[in-house]
Amino acid sequence: MNGLVNTKTYSGSGQIQVTSAQPRELIDYVLPDTPFQVLDTPVDLSIDWRTGTHGELRATLRGAGGKLLFRHAEQSVSLQDTRIDATLHIDKDATTLSLRELSASEPELTLSGTLTVGKTSPRLDLHLDGSRIDIGATRRTAMVLSAENEIVTQLFTVLKTGRISSVSVDTRGDTLEELGNRDHLKIAGRLRDADLHIPTIPWI
Protein backbone atom coordinates (compact mmCIF):
# COMPACT_ATOMS: atom_id res chain seq x y z
CA MET A 1 0.00 0.00 0.00
CA ASN A 2 1.25 3.49 -0.82
CA GLY A 3 -0.38 6.89 -0.98
CA LEU A 4 -0.33 10.55 -0.06
CA VAL A 5 -3.08 12.61 1.61
CA ASN A 6 -3.20 16.36 2.25
CA THR A 7 -4.22 16.61 5.91
CA LYS A 8 -5.81 20.03 5.37
CA THR A 9 -7.95 19.32 2.31
CA TYR A 10 -8.11 15.50 2.66
CA SER A 11 -7.36 15.18 -1.04
CA GLY A 12 -4.89 12.53 -2.09
CA SER A 13 -4.16 9.42 -4.09
CA GLY A 14 -2.59 6.04 -3.73
CA GLN A 15 -2.57 2.38 -4.62
CA ILE A 16 -3.47 -0.75 -2.70
CA GLN A 17 -2.49 -4.29 -3.66
CA VAL A 18 -4.52 -6.98 -1.92
CA THR A 19 -3.92 -10.71 -2.12
CA SER A 20 -6.81 -13.08 -1.37
CA ALA A 21 -9.30 -10.25 -0.73
CA GLN A 22 -12.90 -11.09 0.13
CA PRO A 23 -15.29 -9.24 -2.25
CA ARG A 24 -18.30 -9.72 0.03
CA GLU A 25 -17.73 -6.48 1.94
CA LEU A 26 -17.60 -4.38 -1.25
CA ILE A 27 -20.82 -5.94 -2.57
CA ASP A 28 -22.52 -5.44 0.80
CA TYR A 29 -21.51 -1.76 0.76
CA VAL A 30 -22.66 -0.98 -2.79
CA LEU A 31 -25.74 -3.28 -2.69
CA PRO A 32 -26.76 -3.69 0.97
CA ASP A 33 -30.19 -5.09 0.06
CA THR A 34 -29.06 -7.55 -2.60
CA PRO A 35 -31.04 -10.83 -2.54
CA PHE A 36 -27.91 -12.94 -2.97
CA GLN A 37 -24.73 -13.32 -0.94
CA VAL A 38 -21.15 -13.36 -2.15
CA LEU A 39 -19.42 -16.10 -0.20
CA ASP A 40 -15.88 -15.77 1.12
CA THR A 41 -13.91 -16.51 -2.03
CA PRO A 42 -10.41 -15.04 -2.42
CA VAL A 43 -9.72 -12.49 -5.17
CA ASP A 44 -6.45 -10.69 -5.90
CA LEU A 45 -7.18 -6.96 -6.22
CA SER A 46 -5.33 -3.85 -7.35
CA ILE A 47 -6.98 -0.59 -6.27
CA ASP A 48 -5.92 2.87 -7.47
CA TRP A 49 -7.73 5.57 -5.49
CA ARG A 50 -8.05 9.34 -5.46
CA THR A 51 -9.96 11.59 -3.05
CA GLY A 52 -11.24 15.14 -3.57
CA THR A 53 -11.75 18.07 -1.24
CA HIS A 54 -15.49 17.51 -0.74
CA GLY A 55 -15.51 13.85 0.27
CA GLU A 56 -15.30 12.64 -3.32
CA LEU A 57 -13.68 9.26 -3.96
CA ARG A 58 -12.66 7.65 -7.24
CA ALA A 59 -11.21 4.17 -7.29
CA THR A 60 -10.22 1.79 -10.07
CA LEU A 61 -10.44 -1.89 -9.21
CA ARG A 62 -8.81 -4.68 -11.18
CA GLY A 63 -8.87 -8.25 -10.00
CA ALA A 64 -8.79 -11.91 -10.82
CA GLY A 65 -9.87 -15.02 -8.98
CA GLY A 66 -10.17 -18.71 -9.59
CA LYS A 67 -13.81 -18.80 -8.51
CA LEU A 68 -16.56 -16.48 -7.25
CA LEU A 69 -19.32 -18.11 -5.20
CA PHE A 70 -22.84 -16.68 -4.88
CA ARG A 71 -25.75 -17.93 -2.81
CA HIS A 72 -29.47 -17.17 -2.73
CA ALA A 73 -31.72 -19.02 -0.28
CA GLU A 74 -30.39 -22.59 -0.34
CA GLN A 75 -28.94 -22.41 -3.86
CA SER A 76 -25.36 -21.55 -4.77
CA VAL A 77 -23.62 -20.96 -8.09
CA SER A 78 -20.09 -20.08 -9.11
CA LEU A 79 -18.22 -18.14 -11.78
CA GLN A 80 -14.92 -19.75 -12.77
CA ASP A 81 -11.72 -17.93 -13.78
CA THR A 82 -13.20 -14.50 -13.12
CA ARG A 83 -11.66 -11.18 -14.09
CA ILE A 84 -12.96 -7.75 -13.17
CA ASP A 85 -12.09 -4.21 -14.23
CA ALA A 86 -14.27 -1.55 -12.61
CA THR A 87 -14.36 1.99 -11.26
CA LEU A 88 -16.14 3.26 -8.14
CA HIS A 89 -17.10 6.93 -7.83
CA ILE A 90 -18.61 8.31 -4.62
CA ASP A 91 -19.68 11.92 -4.13
CA LYS A 92 -22.33 13.78 -2.16
CA ASP A 93 -25.06 12.95 -4.69
CA ALA A 94 -24.49 9.34 -5.72
CA THR A 95 -22.40 6.20 -5.73
CA THR A 96 -21.61 4.88 -9.21
CA LEU A 97 -20.08 1.50 -9.99
CA SER A 98 -18.91 1.31 -13.61
CA LEU A 99 -18.05 -2.16 -14.80
CA ARG A 100 -15.64 -2.09 -17.72
CA GLU A 101 -15.47 -5.87 -17.78
CA LEU A 102 -16.56 -8.84 -15.72
CA SER A 103 -15.69 -12.09 -17.46
CA ALA A 104 -15.77 -15.77 -16.61
CA SER A 105 -14.84 -18.97 -18.41
CA GLU A 106 -17.61 -21.06 -16.83
CA PRO A 107 -20.31 -20.18 -17.52
CA GLU A 108 -18.78 -18.34 -20.46
CA LEU A 109 -19.81 -14.68 -20.37
CA THR A 110 -18.56 -11.12 -20.61
CA LEU A 111 -20.43 -8.26 -18.91
CA SER A 112 -20.03 -4.49 -18.66
CA GLY A 113 -22.30 -1.77 -17.37
CA THR A 114 -23.10 0.91 -14.83
CA LEU A 115 -25.02 0.93 -11.54
CA THR A 116 -25.84 4.30 -9.98
CA VAL A 117 -27.20 4.58 -6.44
CA GLY A 118 -28.50 8.11 -5.93
CA LYS A 119 -30.40 10.05 -3.30
CA THR A 120 -33.39 11.06 -5.44
CA SER A 121 -36.09 8.85 -6.97
CA PRO A 122 -35.51 6.57 -8.75
CA ARG A 123 -32.55 5.82 -6.48
CA LEU A 124 -31.17 2.93 -8.57
CA ASP A 125 -30.29 3.04 -12.26
CA LEU A 126 -28.77 -0.03 -13.93
CA HIS A 127 -27.45 -0.61 -17.44
CA LEU A 128 -25.76 -3.88 -18.44
CA ASP A 129 -24.23 -5.11 -21.68
CA GLY A 130 -23.37 -8.76 -22.22
CA SER A 131 -21.66 -10.74 -24.96
CA ARG A 132 -20.49 -14.28 -25.74
CA ILE A 133 -22.98 -15.80 -23.29
CA ASP A 134 -23.59 -19.55 -23.35
CA ILE A 135 -27.34 -19.91 -22.80
CA GLY A 136 -27.41 -23.44 -21.38
CA ALA A 137 -24.49 -22.93 -19.00
CA THR A 138 -25.72 -19.52 -17.81
CA ARG A 139 -29.35 -20.47 -17.10
CA ARG A 140 -28.93 -21.61 -13.48
CA THR A 141 -26.51 -18.79 -12.64
CA ALA A 142 -28.94 -16.17 -13.97
CA MET A 143 -31.85 -17.71 -12.06
CA VAL A 144 -29.99 -17.67 -8.74
CA LEU A 145 -28.52 -14.16 -9.12
CA SER A 146 -31.90 -12.72 -10.14
CA ALA A 147 -33.60 -14.42 -7.17
CA GLU A 148 -35.74 -16.33 -9.69
CA ASN A 149 -37.19 -13.12 -11.12
CA GLU A 150 -40.36 -13.78 -13.13
CA ILE A 151 -39.05 -12.15 -16.31
CA VAL A 152 -35.72 -14.00 -16.16
CA THR A 153 -37.60 -17.27 -15.57
CA GLN A 154 -39.81 -16.64 -18.61
CA LEU A 155 -36.79 -15.68 -20.71
CA PHE A 156 -34.97 -18.92 -20.00
CA THR A 157 -38.17 -20.89 -20.56
CA VAL A 158 -37.94 -19.70 -24.18
CA LEU A 159 -34.13 -19.81 -24.53
CA LYS A 160 -32.83 -23.37 -24.35
CA THR A 161 -29.38 -23.63 -25.95
CA GLY A 162 -27.04 -21.63 -28.14
CA ARG A 163 -25.34 -18.30 -27.59
CA ILE A 164 -26.37 -14.74 -26.90
CA SER A 165 -24.12 -12.70 -29.19
CA SER A 166 -25.06 -9.46 -27.46
CA VAL A 167 -27.63 -8.31 -24.93
CA SER A 168 -28.45 -5.04 -23.18
CA VAL A 169 -30.46 -4.59 -19.99
CA ASP A 170 -31.83 -1.26 -18.73
CA THR A 171 -33.87 -0.77 -15.58
CA ARG A 172 -34.41 1.65 -12.72
CA GLY A 173 -36.26 1.80 -9.42
CA ASP A 174 -36.07 2.78 -5.78
CA THR A 175 -35.24 -0.75 -4.54
CA LEU A 176 -33.45 -3.80 -5.91
CA GLU A 177 -36.81 -5.54 -6.09
CA GLU A 178 -38.16 -2.77 -8.35
CA LEU A 179 -35.27 -3.30 -10.78
CA GLY A 180 -36.89 -6.60 -11.73
CA ASN A 181 -40.33 -5.07 -12.29
CA ARG A 182 -41.55 -5.68 -15.86
CA ASP A 183 -42.67 -2.03 -16.09
CA HIS A 184 -39.09 -0.85 -15.51
CA LEU A 185 -37.06 -3.57 -17.24
CA LYS A 186 -35.99 -3.45 -20.90
CA ILE A 187 -34.02 -6.31 -22.49
CA ALA A 188 -32.77 -6.45 -26.09
CA GLY A 189 -30.35 -8.91 -27.65
CA ARG A 190 -29.11 -10.97 -30.57
CA LEU A 191 -28.94 -14.78 -30.65
CA ARG A 192 -26.72 -17.20 -32.54
CA ASP A 193 -27.45 -20.88 -33.23
CA ALA A 194 -30.17 -20.75 -30.58
CA ASP A 195 -32.75 -23.41 -29.75
CA LEU A 196 -36.00 -21.73 -28.72
CA HIS A 197 -39.14 -23.09 -27.11
CA ILE A 198 -42.22 -20.97 -27.79
CA PRO A 199 -44.97 -21.86 -25.28
CA THR A 200 -48.31 -22.85 -26.78
CA ILE A 201 -50.73 -19.94 -26.91
CA PRO A 202 -54.33 -21.20 -26.64
CA TRP A 203 -56.90 -19.75 -29.03
CA ILE A 204 -59.16 -17.24 -27.34
Foldseek 3Di string as FASTA:
>chain_A
DDKDADPVQRWIKDKDWDWFDFCQVVCCVQAVPFQKGWDRFGKTWIKIWTAGSQGKIKIWIWIWGQKIWMAGDHDIDIFGGWIWTWMWIDGPFKIKIWTPWIAGVFQGKIKTWMWIQGDDPLRIKIKMKIAFGWLQRCLVVVCGSLVNQVVSVVVSLFWHGFTWGMKMKTFTGNHSVRRSDPVGIDMDTHTDPTDTDDDDDDDD
